[in-house]
C-alpha atoms as a PDB file:
ATOM      1  CA  MET A   1      27.979  11.193 -17.225  1.00  0.00           C
ATOM      2  CA  PRO A   2      23.987  10.757 -17.767  1.00  0.00           C
ATOM      3  CA  LYS A   3      22.658   9.149 -15.474  1.00  0.00           C
ATOM      4  CA  VAL A   4      20.537   6.080 -15.819  1.00  0.00           C
ATOM      5  CA  SER A   5      16.695   6.314 -14.440  1.00  0.00           C
ATOM      6  CA  ALA A   6      15.360   3.227 -12.563  1.00  0.00           C
ATOM      7  CA  PRO A   7      12.747   2.034 -14.720  1.00  0.00           C
ATOM      8  CA  ALA A   8       9.573   3.693 -14.085  1.00  0.00           C
ATOM      9  CA  ALA A   9       7.616   1.288 -10.839  1.00  0.00           C
ATOM     10  CA  THR A  10       4.115   0.293 -12.580  1.00  0.00           C
ATOM     11  CA  PRO A  11       1.296   2.009 -10.501  1.00  0.00           C
ATOM     12  CA  SER A  12      -0.814  -0.485  -8.824  1.00  0.00           C
ATOM     13  CA  GLY A  13      -4.742  -0.311  -9.146  1.00  0.00           C
ATOM     14  CA  PRO A  14      -6.469   0.706  -6.525  1.00  0.00           C
ATOM     15  CA  PRO A  15      -7.693  -2.133  -4.272  1.00  0.00           C
ATOM     16  CA  PRO A  16     -10.998  -4.272  -5.412  1.00  0.00           C
ATOM     17  CA  PRO A  17     -13.710  -3.644  -2.787  1.00  0.00           C
ATOM     18  CA  SER A  18     -14.428  -7.132  -2.578  1.00  0.00           C
ATOM     19  CA  TYR A  19     -13.485 -10.646  -3.507  1.00  0.00           C
ATOM     20  CA  GLU A  20     -16.252 -11.222  -6.048  1.00  0.00           C
ATOM     21  CA  ALA A  21     -14.576  -7.616  -7.764  1.00  0.00           C
ATOM     22  CA  ALA A  22     -11.190  -8.850  -7.773  1.00  0.00           C
ATOM     23  CA  LEU A  23     -12.048 -12.314  -9.361  1.00  0.00           C
ATOM     24  CA  GLU A  24     -14.144 -10.459 -12.035  1.00  0.00           C
ATOM     25  CA  GLU A  25     -11.196  -7.966 -12.687  1.00  0.00           C
ATOM     26  CA  LEU A  26      -8.340 -11.181 -12.606  1.00  0.00           C
ATOM     27  CA  GLU A  27     -10.746 -13.461 -15.059  1.00  0.00           C
ATOM     28  CA  GLN A  28     -11.103 -10.218 -17.288  1.00  0.00           C
ATOM     29  CA  LEU A  29      -7.067  -9.380 -17.576  1.00  0.00           C
ATOM     30  CA  VAL A  30      -6.399 -13.259 -18.085  1.00  0.00           C
ATOM     31  CA  SER A  31      -8.646 -13.140 -21.171  1.00  0.00           C
ATOM     32  CA  ARG A  32      -6.791  -9.860 -22.167  1.00  0.00           C
ATOM     33  CA  LEU A  33      -3.564 -11.808 -21.339  1.00  0.00           C
ATOM     34  CA  GLU A  34      -4.020 -14.734 -23.248  1.00  0.00           C
ATOM     35  CA  SER A  35      -5.047 -13.085 -26.308  1.00  0.00           C
ATOM     36  CA  GLY A  36      -1.844 -12.245 -27.216  1.00  0.00           C
ATOM     37  CA  GLN A  37      -3.025  -9.054 -28.594  1.00  0.00           C
ATOM     38  CA  LEU A  38      -1.465  -6.698 -25.901  1.00  0.00           C
ATOM     39  CA  PRO A  39       2.099  -4.743 -26.419  1.00  0.00           C
ATOM     40  CA  LEU A  40       4.957  -6.544 -24.193  1.00  0.00           C
ATOM     41  CA  ASP A  41       5.079  -3.248 -21.503  1.00  0.00           C
ATOM     42  CA  GLN A  42       1.010  -3.830 -20.893  1.00  0.00           C
ATOM     43  CA  LEU A  43       1.767  -7.580 -21.318  1.00  0.00           C
ATOM     44  CA  LEU A  44       4.280  -6.644 -18.107  1.00  0.00           C
ATOM     45  CA  SER A  45       1.831  -4.422 -15.905  1.00  0.00           C
ATOM     46  CA  GLY A  46      -1.166  -7.075 -16.253  1.00  0.00           C
ATOM     47  CA  TYR A  47       1.303  -9.653 -14.882  1.00  0.00           C
ATOM     48  CA  GLN A  48       2.180  -7.345 -12.091  1.00  0.00           C
ATOM     49  CA  ARG A  49      -1.872  -6.384 -11.667  1.00  0.00           C
ATOM     50  CA  GLY A  50      -2.838  -9.564 -11.741  1.00  0.00           C
ATOM     51  CA  ALA A  51      -0.160 -10.979  -8.818  1.00  0.00           C
ATOM     52  CA  GLN A  52      -1.748  -8.216  -6.774  1.00  0.00           C
ATOM     53  CA  LEU A  53      -5.665  -9.472  -7.318  1.00  0.00           C
ATOM     54  CA  LEU A  54      -4.451 -13.286  -6.686  1.00  0.00           C
ATOM     55  CA  ALA A  55      -2.665 -12.028  -3.769  1.00  0.00           C
ATOM     56  CA  PHE A  56      -5.771 -10.181  -2.613  1.00  0.00           C
ATOM     57  CA  CYS A  57      -8.480 -13.131  -3.553  1.00  0.00           C
ATOM     58  CA  ARG A  58      -5.725 -15.685  -1.288  1.00  0.00           C
ATOM     59  CA  ASP A  59      -5.518 -13.100   1.223  1.00  0.00           C
ATOM     60  CA  LYS A  60      -9.855 -12.621   1.649  1.00  0.00           C
ATOM     61  CA  LEU A  61      -9.769 -16.509   1.406  1.00  0.00           C
ATOM     62  CA  ALA A  62      -7.565 -17.565   4.099  1.00  0.00           C
ATOM     63  CA  ALA A  63      -9.523 -14.789   6.163  1.00  0.00           C
ATOM     64  CA  VAL A  64     -12.687 -16.731   5.551  1.00  0.00           C
ATOM     65  CA  GLU A  65     -11.300 -19.829   6.082  1.00  0.00           C
ATOM     66  CA  ASN A  66      -9.783 -18.843  10.077  1.00  0.00           C
ATOM     67  CA  GLN A  67     -13.181 -17.468  10.302  1.00  0.00           C
ATOM     68  CA  ILE A  68     -14.795 -20.792   9.686  1.00  0.00           C
ATOM     69  CA  LYS A  69     -11.820 -22.598  11.992  1.00  0.00           C
ATOM     70  CA  VAL A  70     -12.548 -20.133  15.146  1.00  0.00           C
ATOM     71  CA  LEU A  71     -16.961 -21.021  14.143  1.00  0.00           C
ATOM     72  CA  GLU A  72     -16.502 -24.739  14.186  1.00  0.00           C
ATOM     73  CA  ALA A  73     -14.157 -25.125  17.139  1.00  0.00           C
ATOM     74  CA  GLY A  74     -16.343 -22.789  19.715  1.00  0.00           C
ATOM     75  CA  GLU A  75     -19.553 -22.935  18.364  1.00  0.00           C
ATOM     76  CA  LEU A  76     -20.500 -26.120  16.371  1.00  0.00           C
ATOM     77  CA  THR A  77     -21.213 -29.269  18.525  1.00  0.00           C
ATOM     78  CA  PRO A  78     -23.763 -31.916  18.097  1.00  0.00           C
ATOM     79  CA  TRP A  79     -26.494 -32.308  19.330  1.00  0.00           C
ATOM     80  CA  ALA A  80     -25.981 -35.140  21.676  1.00  0.00           C
ATOM     81  CA  ASP A  81     -24.137 -32.251  23.944  1.00  0.00           C
ATOM     82  CA  ALA A  82     -26.042 -30.201  23.987  1.00  0.00           C
END
């Protein structure tokens, strides 16, 4: 009986060098996906890459928000208290 192989995993692209680069790649990817001109397999891999880029952007934003909270809690005080 022949073995049924699992579908090949779509290789994820390298992580973007910055938030801005990830956002730019995501915008370009969305344009290609919305064009309706991609074959089904490219749609799927594009969607997967888009999900990775979105998670990367969310993680970066969450890290910045946490840094801002730390700064506001520890260093930003009204002028009257100084």
